[in-house]
Amino acid sequence: MRRELNKARTREALASAALELFVAKGFEETTADEVAAAAGVSRRTFFRYFPTKEAAFFASQEARLEGFRAHLADPAWGERGFERLRGALLVMADLYTRERPLIAAQQRVIESSRSLQAYELQLDRRWEEAVFEVLLPEGADRAARRRAQVTSGAVVGAVRSALRAWFEEGEGEDLRGFGEEVLGWLEALAP
């Protein structure tokens, strides 16, 4: 138990140091050695926890994805896939609202780095897979699978666009309310 707690603390220290340095210096300009030193660990330790700088940068996003998957599995949101998707996305909107300064800083770093943009697209595919799994009806035929696949891509694209608009609007924009509006547009697509 203590060992796991220490591992979690080290991972968090690395992710936090990475984000702080990436925001201050830029992603490409910051080395893994600098991140390790800022976290008080060796380069080797850094690479035991994260295979790349990109993975360290997106550590919080990985945690958000796991939380999203857990919310999708929660039957409290309803039986239909889109109902569960709606509930999970609104919970995420509340989380993003609480973490807005952090997420906005992360977004600025992503926009300044092609390698982070590419990594983010890979991560988006995992979000899309999570959405697909909840939208796919049991015993789905080929047409239903296609519809769920296209809808999951549309949902992730809409979320990305909604978040971009939310960042551009500034502090006054209500992400949850905007999210509900966007989900209303998307519900007609859902299988």
Protein backbone atom coordinates (compact mmCIF):
# COMPACT_ATOMS: atom_id res chain seq x y z
CA MET A 1 0.00 0.00 0.00
CA ARG A 2 2.74 2.45 0.93
CA ARG A 3 4.71 1.56 -2.19
CA GLU A 4 1.69 2.23 -4.40
CA LEU A 5 1.14 5.56 -2.66
CA ASN A 6 4.77 6.54 -3.27
CA LYS A 7 4.47 5.54 -6.93
CA ALA A 8 1.33 7.64 -7.31
CA ARG A 9 3.05 10.61 -5.67
CA THR A 10 6.08 10.29 -7.96
CA ARG A 11 3.89 10.05 -11.03
CA GLU A 12 1.92 13.12 -9.94
CA ALA A 13 5.12 15.06 -9.17
CA LEU A 14 6.47 14.26 -12.63
CA ALA A 15 3.23 15.20 -14.39
CA SER A 16 2.96 18.42 -12.41
CA ALA A 17 6.60 19.38 -13.04
CA ALA A 18 6.19 18.58 -16.72
CA LEU A 19 3.14 20.78 -17.11
CA GLU A 20 4.71 23.63 -15.19
CA LEU A 21 7.87 23.55 -17.32
CA PHE A 22 6.00 23.06 -20.59
CA VAL A 23 3.83 26.10 -19.83
CA ALA A 24 6.83 28.21 -18.80
CA LYS A 25 9.38 27.17 -21.44
CA GLY A 26 7.45 25.42 -24.17
CA PHE A 27 7.09 21.74 -24.89
CA GLU A 28 9.90 21.29 -27.40
CA GLU A 29 12.26 23.51 -25.40
CA THR A 30 11.88 21.41 -22.22
CA THR A 31 13.85 18.18 -21.80
CA ALA A 32 12.89 15.05 -19.89
CA ASP A 33 16.01 15.66 -17.78
CA GLU A 34 14.67 19.05 -16.72
CA VAL A 35 11.30 17.55 -15.81
CA ALA A 36 12.97 14.79 -13.78
CA ALA A 37 15.19 17.30 -11.96
CA ALA A 38 12.20 19.54 -11.16
CA ALA A 39 10.39 16.53 -9.69
CA GLY A 40 13.48 15.47 -7.74
CA VAL A 41 13.99 12.17 -9.56
CA SER A 42 16.38 10.75 -12.14
CA ARG A 43 15.91 10.66 -15.90
CA ARG A 44 15.59 6.90 -15.63
CA THR A 45 12.75 7.28 -13.13
CA PHE A 46 11.00 9.68 -15.50
CA PHE A 47 11.05 7.06 -18.26
CA ARG A 48 9.84 4.33 -15.89
CA TYR A 49 6.68 6.34 -15.40
CA PHE A 50 6.27 7.90 -18.83
CA PRO A 51 7.61 6.52 -22.11
CA THR A 52 7.65 10.01 -23.69
CA LYS A 53 7.33 13.67 -22.78
CA GLU A 54 3.94 13.62 -24.51
CA ALA A 55 2.72 10.91 -22.15
CA ALA A 56 3.81 13.01 -19.17
CA PHE A 57 2.02 16.03 -20.57
CA PHE A 58 -1.22 14.10 -21.11
CA ALA A 59 -1.18 12.24 -17.76
CA SER A 60 -4.19 14.20 -16.48
CA GLN A 61 -6.05 13.59 -19.74
CA GLU A 62 -5.52 9.84 -19.32
CA ALA A 63 -7.06 10.10 -15.83
CA ARG A 64 -9.99 12.09 -17.26
CA LEU A 65 -10.57 9.41 -19.89
CA GLU A 66 -10.69 6.69 -17.20
CA GLY A 67 -13.17 8.79 -15.23
CA PHE A 68 -15.26 9.29 -18.36
CA ARG A 69 -15.36 5.53 -18.97
CA ALA A 70 -16.50 4.99 -15.38
CA HIS A 71 -19.29 7.55 -15.83
CA LEU A 72 -20.37 5.88 -19.07
CA ALA A 73 -20.75 2.59 -17.20
CA ASP A 74 -22.92 4.17 -14.50
CA PRO A 75 -26.50 2.90 -14.92
CA ALA A 76 -27.80 5.93 -12.99
CA TRP A 77 -27.66 7.92 -16.24
CA GLY A 78 -30.20 5.66 -17.96
CA GLU A 79 -30.43 2.54 -20.03
CA ARG A 80 -29.98 3.97 -23.51
CA GLY A 81 -26.46 4.59 -24.70
CA PHE A 82 -27.06 8.23 -25.55
CA GLU A 83 -28.58 8.89 -22.11
CA ARG A 84 -25.45 7.52 -20.44
CA LEU A 85 -23.27 9.49 -22.86
CA ARG A 86 -25.17 12.69 -22.04
CA GLY A 87 -24.75 12.14 -18.29
CA ALA A 88 -21.03 11.36 -18.59
CA LEU A 89 -20.35 14.37 -20.83
CA LEU A 90 -22.17 16.74 -18.49
CA VAL A 91 -20.13 15.44 -15.54
CA MET A 92 -17.00 16.08 -17.62
CA ALA A 93 -18.26 19.60 -18.42
CA ASP A 94 -18.52 20.29 -14.69
CA LEU A 95 -15.01 18.91 -14.15
CA TYR A 96 -13.60 21.01 -16.98
CA THR A 97 -15.31 24.09 -15.55
CA ARG A 98 -13.68 23.51 -12.16
CA GLU A 99 -10.29 22.90 -13.79
CA ARG A 100 -10.59 25.63 -16.42
CA PRO A 101 -7.28 27.44 -15.67
CA LEU A 102 -5.31 24.18 -15.85
CA ILE A 103 -7.07 22.96 -18.98
CA ALA A 104 -6.70 26.34 -20.68
CA ALA A 105 -2.96 26.29 -19.94
CA GLN A 106 -2.71 22.77 -21.33
CA GLN A 107 -4.58 23.83 -24.45
CA ARG A 108 -2.18 26.70 -25.09
CA VAL A 109 0.77 24.32 -24.88
CA ILE A 110 -0.94 21.84 -27.23
CA GLU A 111 -1.61 24.58 -29.78
CA SER A 112 2.09 25.46 -29.80
CA SER A 113 3.35 21.93 -30.48
CA ARG A 114 2.78 19.70 -33.49
CA SER A 115 3.88 16.60 -31.59
CA LEU A 116 1.33 17.29 -28.84
CA GLN A 117 -1.37 17.88 -31.45
CA ALA A 118 -0.57 14.51 -33.01
CA TYR A 119 -0.60 12.78 -29.63
CA GLU A 120 -3.90 14.44 -28.79
CA LEU A 121 -5.43 13.01 -31.97
CA GLN A 122 -4.37 9.53 -30.86
CA LEU A 123 -5.94 10.16 -27.48
CA ASP A 124 -9.12 11.41 -29.16
CA ARG A 125 -9.42 8.01 -30.83
CA ARG A 126 -9.57 6.42 -27.40
CA TRP A 127 -12.34 8.83 -26.38
CA GLU A 128 -14.12 7.94 -29.61
CA GLU A 129 -13.80 4.22 -28.80
CA ALA A 130 -15.37 4.82 -25.38
CA VAL A 131 -18.28 6.67 -26.98
CA PHE A 132 -18.65 3.97 -29.64
CA GLU A 133 -18.84 1.24 -27.00
CA VAL A 134 -21.69 2.96 -25.16
CA LEU A 135 -23.61 3.81 -28.36
CA LEU A 136 -23.31 0.38 -29.96
CA PRO A 137 -26.61 -1.44 -29.49
CA GLU A 138 -26.48 -5.01 -28.27
CA GLY A 139 -26.58 -7.43 -31.20
CA ALA A 140 -25.97 -4.60 -33.64
CA ASP A 141 -25.94 -5.39 -37.34
CA ARG A 142 -23.48 -3.83 -39.78
CA ALA A 143 -25.61 -0.73 -40.38
CA ALA A 144 -26.04 -0.10 -36.64
CA ARG A 145 -22.28 -0.51 -36.09
CA ARG A 146 -21.58 2.03 -38.82
CA ARG A 147 -24.06 4.47 -37.38
CA ALA A 148 -22.55 4.11 -33.90
CA GLN A 149 -19.07 4.55 -35.37
CA VAL A 150 -19.98 7.70 -37.31
CA THR A 151 -21.93 9.10 -34.37
CA SER A 152 -19.02 8.53 -31.98
CA GLY A 153 -16.73 10.43 -34.36
CA ALA A 154 -19.28 13.24 -34.60
CA VAL A 155 -19.59 13.41 -30.81
CA VAL A 156 -15.83 13.66 -30.26
CA GLY A 157 -15.52 16.26 -33.03
CA ALA A 158 -18.41 18.26 -31.56
CA VAL A 159 -16.88 18.11 -28.09
CA ARG A 160 -13.54 19.32 -29.48
CA SER A 161 -15.26 22.21 -31.30
CA ALA A 162 -17.38 23.08 -28.26
CA LEU A 163 -14.29 23.16 -26.03
CA ARG A 164 -12.46 25.38 -28.52
CA ALA A 165 -15.42 27.79 -28.56
CA TRP A 166 -15.56 27.69 -24.75
CA PHE A 167 -11.89 28.63 -24.48
CA GLU A 168 -12.35 31.45 -26.99
CA GLU A 169 -15.41 32.84 -25.19
CA GLY A 170 -13.60 33.22 -21.88
CA GLU A 171 -14.69 32.79 -18.29
CA GLY A 172 -18.33 33.83 -18.78
CA GLU A 173 -19.33 30.92 -21.02
CA ASP A 174 -21.36 28.16 -19.32
CA LEU A 175 -19.83 24.92 -20.57
CA ARG A 176 -22.58 22.70 -19.14
CA GLY A 177 -25.34 24.75 -20.79
CA PHE A 178 -23.44 24.88 -24.06
CA GLY A 179 -22.80 21.13 -23.78
CA GLU A 180 -26.51 20.43 -23.35
CA GLU A 181 -27.23 22.48 -26.45
CA VAL A 182 -24.60 20.60 -28.48
CA LEU A 183 -25.89 17.24 -27.21
CA GLY A 184 -29.36 18.21 -28.37
CA TRP A 185 -27.99 18.70 -31.87
CA LEU A 186 -26.23 15.33 -31.76
CA GLU A 187 -29.01 13.23 -30.29
CA ALA A 188 -30.76 12.97 -33.66
CA LEU A 189 -27.69 11.09 -34.97
CA ALA A 190 -27.58 8.53 -32.18
CA PRO A 191 -28.45 4.92 -32.97
